[in-house]
N, C-alpha and C. Protein backbone atom coordinates (compact mmCIF):
# COMPACT_ATOMS: atom_id res chain seq x y z
N MET A 1 -54.26 -33.11 -103.29
CA MET A 1 -53.46 -34.14 -104.22
C MET A 1 -52.94 -34.01 -105.83
N LYS A 2 -54.15 -33.04 -106.32
CA LYS A 2 -53.86 -32.58 -107.56
C LYS A 2 -52.71 -31.70 -107.30
N GLN A 3 -52.26 -30.42 -106.31
CA GLN A 3 -51.02 -30.19 -106.34
C GLN A 3 -49.70 -30.75 -106.59
N GLU A 4 -50.06 -31.92 -105.99
CA GLU A 4 -48.58 -32.61 -105.85
C GLU A 4 -48.39 -33.68 -107.39
N ILE A 5 -49.30 -33.56 -107.39
CA ILE A 5 -49.49 -34.60 -109.43
C ILE A 5 -49.12 -33.67 -109.65
N GLU A 6 -49.40 -32.13 -109.88
CA GLU A 6 -48.62 -31.55 -111.07
C GLU A 6 -47.32 -30.85 -110.41
N LYS A 7 -46.92 -30.99 -109.41
CA LYS A 7 -45.83 -30.74 -108.92
C LYS A 7 -44.74 -31.66 -109.72
N PHE A 8 -45.46 -32.81 -109.39
CA PHE A 8 -44.61 -33.93 -109.41
C PHE A 8 -44.41 -33.95 -111.71
N ARG A 9 -45.55 -33.77 -112.11
CA ARG A 9 -45.36 -33.37 -113.59
C ARG A 9 -44.45 -32.61 -113.74
N LYS A 10 -44.29 -31.44 -113.15
CA LYS A 10 -43.20 -29.87 -113.51
C LYS A 10 -42.13 -30.33 -113.35
N GLU A 11 -41.90 -31.04 -113.02
CA GLU A 11 -40.69 -31.89 -111.38
C GLU A 11 -40.15 -32.96 -113.13
N THR A 12 -40.75 -33.73 -113.39
CA THR A 12 -40.32 -35.28 -114.06
C THR A 12 -40.26 -34.76 -115.41
N GLY A 13 -41.78 -34.31 -115.67
CA GLY A 13 -42.44 -34.33 -117.06
C GLY A 13 -43.51 -35.80 -117.20
N VAL A 14 -43.53 -36.26 -116.44
CA VAL A 14 -44.33 -37.58 -116.37
C VAL A 14 -45.72 -37.28 -115.83
N ASP A 15 -47.43 -37.95 -116.78
CA ASP A 15 -48.57 -37.36 -116.30
C ASP A 15 -48.66 -38.48 -115.25
N LEU A 16 -48.89 -38.07 -114.05
CA LEU A 16 -50.19 -38.91 -113.57
C LEU A 16 -51.85 -38.78 -113.13
N VAL A 17 -52.63 -39.90 -113.66
CA VAL A 17 -54.00 -39.38 -113.41
C VAL A 17 -54.13 -40.16 -111.64
N ILE A 18 -55.60 -39.44 -111.62
CA ILE A 18 -55.76 -40.34 -110.37
C ILE A 18 -57.34 -40.94 -110.67
N LYS A 19 -56.20 -42.50 -110.01
CA LYS A 19 -57.42 -43.78 -110.15
C LYS A 19 -58.02 -44.32 -108.92
N ASP A 20 -59.11 -44.43 -108.48
CA ASP A 20 -59.55 -45.04 -107.03
C ASP A 20 -59.03 -44.63 -106.01
N GLY A 21 -58.52 -42.81 -106.14
CA GLY A 21 -58.16 -42.23 -105.22
C GLY A 21 -57.25 -41.28 -105.10
N LYS A 22 -55.75 -42.21 -106.27
CA LYS A 22 -54.43 -41.99 -105.65
C LYS A 22 -53.81 -42.50 -106.58
N PRO A 23 -53.27 -41.46 -106.68
CA PRO A 23 -52.09 -40.68 -108.25
C PRO A 23 -51.87 -42.16 -108.95
N PHE A 24 -52.02 -42.51 -110.13
CA PHE A 24 -51.82 -43.46 -110.58
C PHE A 24 -50.76 -43.52 -112.09
N TYR A 25 -49.55 -44.09 -111.77
CA TYR A 25 -48.75 -44.53 -113.52
C TYR A 25 -49.22 -45.89 -114.60
N GLY A 26 -49.53 -45.96 -115.10
CA GLY A 26 -49.99 -47.30 -115.62
C GLY A 26 -48.62 -48.02 -116.33
N GLY A 27 -47.84 -47.49 -116.57
CA GLY A 27 -46.65 -48.10 -117.12
C GLY A 27 -45.50 -48.69 -116.50
N TYR A 28 -43.93 -48.89 -116.91
CA TYR A 28 -43.09 -48.89 -115.74
C TYR A 28 -42.76 -46.96 -116.13
N LEU A 29 -42.68 -46.41 -114.71
CA LEU A 29 -42.59 -45.58 -114.84
C LEU A 29 -40.44 -45.61 -114.61
N TYR A 30 -39.41 -44.67 -115.57
CA TYR A 30 -38.89 -45.16 -115.32
C TYR A 30 -38.06 -43.75 -115.08
N LEU A 31 -37.23 -43.21 -113.70
CA LEU A 31 -37.31 -41.48 -113.49
C LEU A 31 -35.09 -41.61 -113.35
N GLU A 32 -34.69 -40.96 -114.15
CA GLU A 32 -32.83 -40.99 -114.30
C GLU A 32 -32.60 -39.61 -113.48
N ASN A 33 -31.50 -39.45 -113.38
CA ASN A 33 -31.27 -38.61 -112.17
C ASN A 33 -32.37 -37.54 -112.50
N CYS A 34 -33.27 -37.85 -111.63
CA CYS A 34 -34.30 -37.01 -111.40
C CYS A 34 -33.84 -36.07 -110.01
N THR A 35 -32.74 -35.16 -109.66
CA THR A 35 -31.84 -34.44 -108.53
C THR A 35 -33.12 -33.75 -108.11
N GLY A 36 -33.89 -33.11 -108.96
CA GLY A 36 -34.70 -32.36 -108.92
C GLY A 36 -36.01 -32.83 -107.35
N ILE A 37 -36.25 -33.54 -107.76
CA ILE A 37 -37.44 -33.99 -106.49
C ILE A 37 -36.88 -34.87 -105.43
N THR A 38 -37.53 -34.30 -104.44
CA THR A 38 -37.67 -34.17 -103.36
C THR A 38 -38.88 -35.22 -102.82
N ALA A 39 -39.61 -35.94 -103.21
CA ALA A 39 -40.57 -37.16 -103.20
C ALA A 39 -41.51 -37.33 -103.83
N LEU A 40 -41.66 -38.58 -104.19
CA LEU A 40 -42.98 -38.48 -104.72
C LEU A 40 -43.76 -39.06 -104.26
N PRO A 41 -44.94 -39.08 -105.24
CA PRO A 41 -46.24 -38.65 -104.18
C PRO A 41 -46.88 -39.82 -103.47
N ASN A 42 -47.73 -38.96 -102.59
CA ASN A 42 -48.26 -40.39 -101.21
C ASN A 42 -48.89 -41.66 -102.00
N ASN A 43 -48.90 -42.75 -101.53
CA ASN A 43 -49.86 -43.39 -102.55
C ASN A 43 -49.53 -43.36 -103.85
N LEU A 44 -48.64 -43.67 -104.62
CA LEU A 44 -48.56 -43.14 -105.99
C LEU A 44 -48.53 -44.83 -106.66
N THR A 45 -49.66 -45.78 -107.31
CA THR A 45 -49.59 -46.79 -107.89
C THR A 45 -48.97 -46.86 -109.11
N VAL A 46 -47.93 -47.69 -109.44
CA VAL A 46 -46.87 -48.00 -110.67
C VAL A 46 -47.95 -49.73 -111.03
N GLY A 47 -48.10 -49.69 -112.68
CA GLY A 47 -49.01 -49.90 -112.93
C GLY A 47 -47.73 -51.62 -113.43
N GLY A 48 -46.38 -50.76 -113.74
CA GLY A 48 -45.54 -51.44 -114.10
C GLY A 48 -44.36 -51.72 -112.59
N TYR A 49 -42.74 -51.69 -113.66
CA TYR A 49 -41.76 -51.77 -112.64
C TYR A 49 -41.53 -49.91 -112.36
N LEU A 50 -41.39 -49.45 -111.14
CA LEU A 50 -40.32 -47.99 -110.59
C LEU A 50 -39.14 -48.42 -110.65
N TYR A 51 -38.86 -47.58 -111.36
CA TYR A 51 -36.94 -47.58 -111.47
C TYR A 51 -36.61 -45.76 -111.82
N LEU A 52 -35.88 -45.96 -110.33
CA LEU A 52 -35.37 -44.39 -109.86
C LEU A 52 -33.56 -44.54 -110.25
N GLU A 53 -32.85 -44.24 -111.07
CA GLU A 53 -31.74 -43.73 -110.62
C GLU A 53 -31.33 -42.45 -110.36
N ASN A 54 -30.07 -42.26 -109.97
CA ASN A 54 -29.76 -41.29 -109.32
C ASN A 54 -30.60 -40.24 -108.78
N CYS A 55 -31.37 -40.79 -108.29
CA CYS A 55 -32.61 -39.24 -107.77
C CYS A 55 -32.28 -38.83 -106.04
N THR A 56 -31.18 -38.68 -106.60
CA THR A 56 -30.47 -38.73 -104.35
C THR A 56 -31.55 -37.03 -104.26
N GLY A 57 -32.27 -36.13 -103.97
CA GLY A 57 -33.05 -35.68 -104.04
C GLY A 57 -34.11 -36.47 -102.58
N ILE A 58 -34.72 -37.32 -103.23
CA ILE A 58 -35.55 -37.86 -102.74
C ILE A 58 -34.99 -38.60 -101.38
N THR A 59 -35.55 -37.84 -100.10
CA THR A 59 -34.90 -38.34 -99.04
C THR A 59 -35.50 -38.59 -97.76
N GLY A 60 -36.92 -38.88 -97.85
CA GLY A 60 -38.36 -39.03 -96.73
C GLY A 60 -38.21 -40.55 -97.75
N GLU A 61 -38.84 -41.05 -96.79
CA GLU A 61 -39.70 -43.24 -96.73
C GLU A 61 -40.90 -42.50 -98.32
N VAL A 62 -40.48 -43.10 -99.07
CA VAL A 62 -40.78 -43.94 -100.07
C VAL A 62 -42.25 -45.14 -99.93
N LYS A 63 -43.32 -44.30 -100.39
CA LYS A 63 -44.51 -45.70 -100.11
C LYS A 63 -45.04 -45.32 -101.54
N VAL A 64 -44.88 -46.65 -101.75
CA VAL A 64 -45.56 -46.73 -103.28
C VAL A 64 -46.34 -48.49 -103.06
N ASN A 65 -47.85 -47.65 -104.02
CA ASN A 65 -48.42 -49.14 -103.70
C ASN A 65 -48.53 -50.05 -105.36
N LYS A 66 -47.79 -50.79 -105.24
CA LYS A 66 -47.66 -52.35 -106.29
C LYS A 66 -48.08 -53.68 -106.34
N LYS A 67 -49.38 -53.43 -106.83
CA LYS A 67 -49.95 -54.78 -106.79
C LYS A 67 -49.69 -55.60 -107.69
N LEU A 68 -49.61 -57.06 -107.06
CA LEU A 68 -48.74 -57.82 -108.11
C LEU A 68 -49.54 -58.94 -108.92
N SER A 69 -48.87 -59.17 -110.14
CA SER A 69 -49.59 -59.73 -110.41
C SER A 69 -50.05 -61.41 -109.98
N SER A 70 -50.62 -62.26 -110.82
CA SER A 70 -50.87 -63.67 -110.39
C SER A 70 -49.51 -64.26 -110.86
N LYS A 71 -49.30 -64.24 -112.01
CA LYS A 71 -47.85 -64.72 -112.12
C LYS A 71 -46.50 -63.71 -111.38
N ALA A 72 -46.32 -62.97 -110.89
CA ALA A 72 -45.35 -62.75 -110.03
C ALA A 72 -45.61 -63.22 -109.17
N ILE A 73 -46.47 -63.25 -108.38
CA ILE A 73 -46.67 -64.31 -107.26
C ILE A 73 -46.33 -65.13 -107.04
N ALA A 74 -46.64 -66.20 -107.96
CA ALA A 74 -46.31 -67.44 -108.01
C ALA A 74 -45.00 -67.84 -108.15
N ALA A 75 -44.30 -66.44 -109.04
CA ALA A 75 -42.42 -66.47 -109.13
C ALA A 75 -42.49 -66.63 -107.88
N ILE A 76 -42.49 -66.05 -107.26
CA ILE A 76 -42.14 -65.85 -105.71
C ILE A 76 -42.06 -66.69 -105.06
N SER A 77 -43.39 -67.07 -105.08
CA SER A 77 -44.08 -68.30 -104.58
C SER A 77 -42.41 -69.12 -104.54
N ARG A 78 -42.03 -69.88 -105.77
CA ARG A 78 -41.60 -70.60 -106.23
C ARG A 78 -39.83 -70.13 -105.76
N VAL A 79 -39.60 -69.15 -105.61
CA VAL A 79 -38.57 -68.89 -105.46
C VAL A 79 -38.27 -68.92 -104.24
N SER A 80 -39.66 -68.78 -103.48
CA SER A 80 -39.36 -69.01 -101.69
C SER A 80 -38.97 -69.95 -100.97
N ASN A 81 -39.79 -71.16 -102.23
CA ASN A 81 -39.60 -72.32 -101.63
C ASN A 81 -38.96 -73.14 -101.76
N MET A 82 -37.40 -72.72 -103.06
CA MET A 82 -37.22 -73.30 -103.76
C MET A 82 -35.59 -73.85 -102.38
N PRO A 83 -35.58 -75.17 -102.69
CA PRO A 83 -34.42 -75.34 -101.32
C PRO A 83 -33.47 -75.16 -100.92
N ILE A 84 -33.07 -74.96 -100.16
CA ILE A 84 -31.47 -73.92 -99.50
C ILE A 84 -30.53 -75.32 -99.41
N PHE A 85 -29.25 -75.80 -100.07
CA PHE A 85 -28.75 -76.61 -99.18
C PHE A 85 -26.87 -76.33 -98.88
N TRP A 86 -26.96 -76.58 -97.74
CA TRP A 86 -25.27 -76.21 -96.95
C TRP A 86 -24.72 -77.09 -96.13
N GLU A 87 -23.51 -77.27 -96.41
CA GLU A 87 -22.51 -77.85 -95.77
C GLU A 87 -22.04 -77.50 -94.69
N TRP A 88 -21.89 -78.21 -93.66
CA TRP A 88 -20.97 -76.83 -92.51
C TRP A 88 -21.09 -78.43 -91.41
N ASN A 89 -19.27 -78.50 -90.84
CA ASN A 89 -18.92 -79.56 -89.96
C ASN A 89 -19.02 -81.24 -90.29
N ASP A 90 -19.16 -80.75 -91.66
CA ASP A 90 -19.13 -82.66 -92.36
C ASP A 90 -20.44 -82.81 -92.02
N ARG A 91 -21.65 -82.66 -92.00
CA ARG A 91 -23.03 -82.20 -91.82
C ARG A 91 -23.44 -82.11 -93.31
N SER A 92 -25.10 -82.39 -93.50
CA SER A 92 -25.10 -81.50 -94.64
C SER A 92 -26.63 -80.81 -93.39
N TYR A 93 -27.73 -79.61 -94.56
CA TYR A 93 -28.86 -79.70 -94.22
C TYR A 93 -29.46 -79.27 -95.41
N ILE A 94 -30.82 -79.10 -94.95
CA ILE A 94 -31.68 -78.36 -96.40
C ILE A 94 -32.54 -77.83 -95.20
N LYS A 95 -32.45 -76.48 -96.33
CA LYS A 95 -33.97 -75.57 -95.68
C LYS A 95 -35.10 -75.81 -96.68
N VAL A 96 -36.15 -76.13 -97.15
CA VAL A 96 -37.18 -75.91 -98.05
C VAL A 96 -38.52 -76.42 -96.71
N ASP A 97 -39.49 -75.04 -97.29
CA ASP A 97 -40.65 -75.14 -96.35
C ASP A 97 -41.15 -74.61 -95.15
N ASP A 98 -39.90 -73.39 -95.03
CA ASP A 98 -39.34 -73.01 -94.26
C ASP A 98 -39.17 -73.58 -92.80
N MET A 99 -38.87 -75.37 -93.22
CA MET A 99 -37.99 -76.29 -92.08
C MET A 99 -36.80 -76.19 -92.20
N PHE A 100 -35.99 -76.14 -91.18
CA PHE A 100 -34.04 -76.62 -91.33
C PHE A 100 -34.25 -77.69 -90.94
N THR A 101 -33.43 -78.36 -91.41
CA THR A 101 -33.31 -79.91 -91.14
C THR A 101 -31.54 -80.62 -91.22
N ALA A 102 -31.52 -81.41 -90.93
CA ALA A 102 -30.54 -81.57 -91.00
C ALA A 102 -30.51 -83.35 -91.95
N VAL A 103 -30.08 -83.45 -92.76
CA VAL A 103 -30.30 -84.56 -94.34
C VAL A 103 -29.04 -85.88 -93.18
N ASP A 104 -30.10 -86.75 -93.01
CA ASP A 104 -29.42 -88.68 -93.15
C ASP A 104 -29.12 -88.94 -94.41
N SER A 105 -29.69 -88.87 -94.98
CA SER A 105 -29.67 -89.69 -96.80
C SER A 105 -30.39 -88.89 -97.35
N HIS A 106 -29.93 -89.58 -98.61
CA HIS A 106 -31.19 -88.78 -99.41
C HIS A 106 -30.46 -89.95 -100.48
N HIS A 107 -31.21 -89.84 -102.07
CA HIS A 107 -31.24 -90.58 -103.48
C HIS A 107 -31.74 -90.44 -104.12
N GLY A 108 -31.37 -88.89 -105.03
CA GLY A 108 -31.89 -88.19 -105.62
C GLY A 108 -32.65 -87.07 -105.60
N ASN A 109 -33.76 -87.44 -105.51
CA ASN A 109 -34.24 -85.85 -105.13
C ASN A 109 -34.89 -86.31 -103.78
N VAL A 110 -35.12 -87.12 -103.29
CA VAL A 110 -35.57 -87.48 -101.79
C VAL A 110 -34.44 -88.15 -100.47
N TYR A 111 -35.06 -87.06 -100.04
CA TYR A 111 -34.44 -86.91 -98.92
C TYR A 111 -35.18 -87.33 -97.59
N ARG A 112 -33.73 -87.83 -96.36
CA ARG A 112 -34.43 -88.35 -94.74
C ARG A 112 -33.57 -87.16 -94.19
N VAL A 113 -34.31 -86.16 -93.65
CA VAL A 113 -34.53 -85.15 -92.43
C VAL A 113 -35.00 -85.43 -91.53
N HIS A 114 -34.41 -84.62 -90.64
CA HIS A 114 -34.65 -85.21 -89.05
C HIS A 114 -34.22 -83.46 -88.94
N LYS A 115 -35.59 -82.35 -88.35
CA LYS A 115 -35.80 -81.83 -87.61
C LYS A 115 -34.39 -81.29 -86.77
N LEU A 116 -34.06 -80.66 -86.39
CA LEU A 116 -33.18 -79.70 -85.83
C LEU A 116 -33.47 -80.06 -83.95
N ASN A 117 -33.22 -80.08 -83.35
CA ASN A 117 -33.74 -79.86 -81.77
C ASN A 117 -34.97 -80.64 -81.50
N SER A 118 -35.19 -81.90 -82.60
CA SER A 118 -36.43 -82.78 -82.58
C SER A 118 -36.30 -84.22 -82.19
N SER A 119 -37.22 -84.77 -82.12
CA SER A 119 -36.53 -86.30 -82.39
C SER A 119 -37.56 -86.83 -83.66
N GLU A 120 -38.17 -86.17 -84.70
CA GLU A 120 -38.35 -86.08 -85.49
C GLU A 120 -38.18 -86.37 -86.66
């Protein structure tokens, strides 16, 4: 692992440390025009964002460990639970909480729906 980290430092100028037995970079890792890199260190953990631009030499699978903060998890949850509305064949549909339903009627933000292919 130390050889892999040293190779990465020579190619990028970025110093990594070993944390919990894995290569670690504590902040935002921004790599641009890194055409000489063929791979990132295995199990690289980045404390912030990982940004790769024009790193065309990386051809293999990139495995990066990223622990999301509770704030980031909550933001993802809010987005994934947002209702999706659409109309098709003069019918309104809504998908929310992983349920795809047909809209029977609504008033404001209150919807009367029924599950498709169901009597519910």
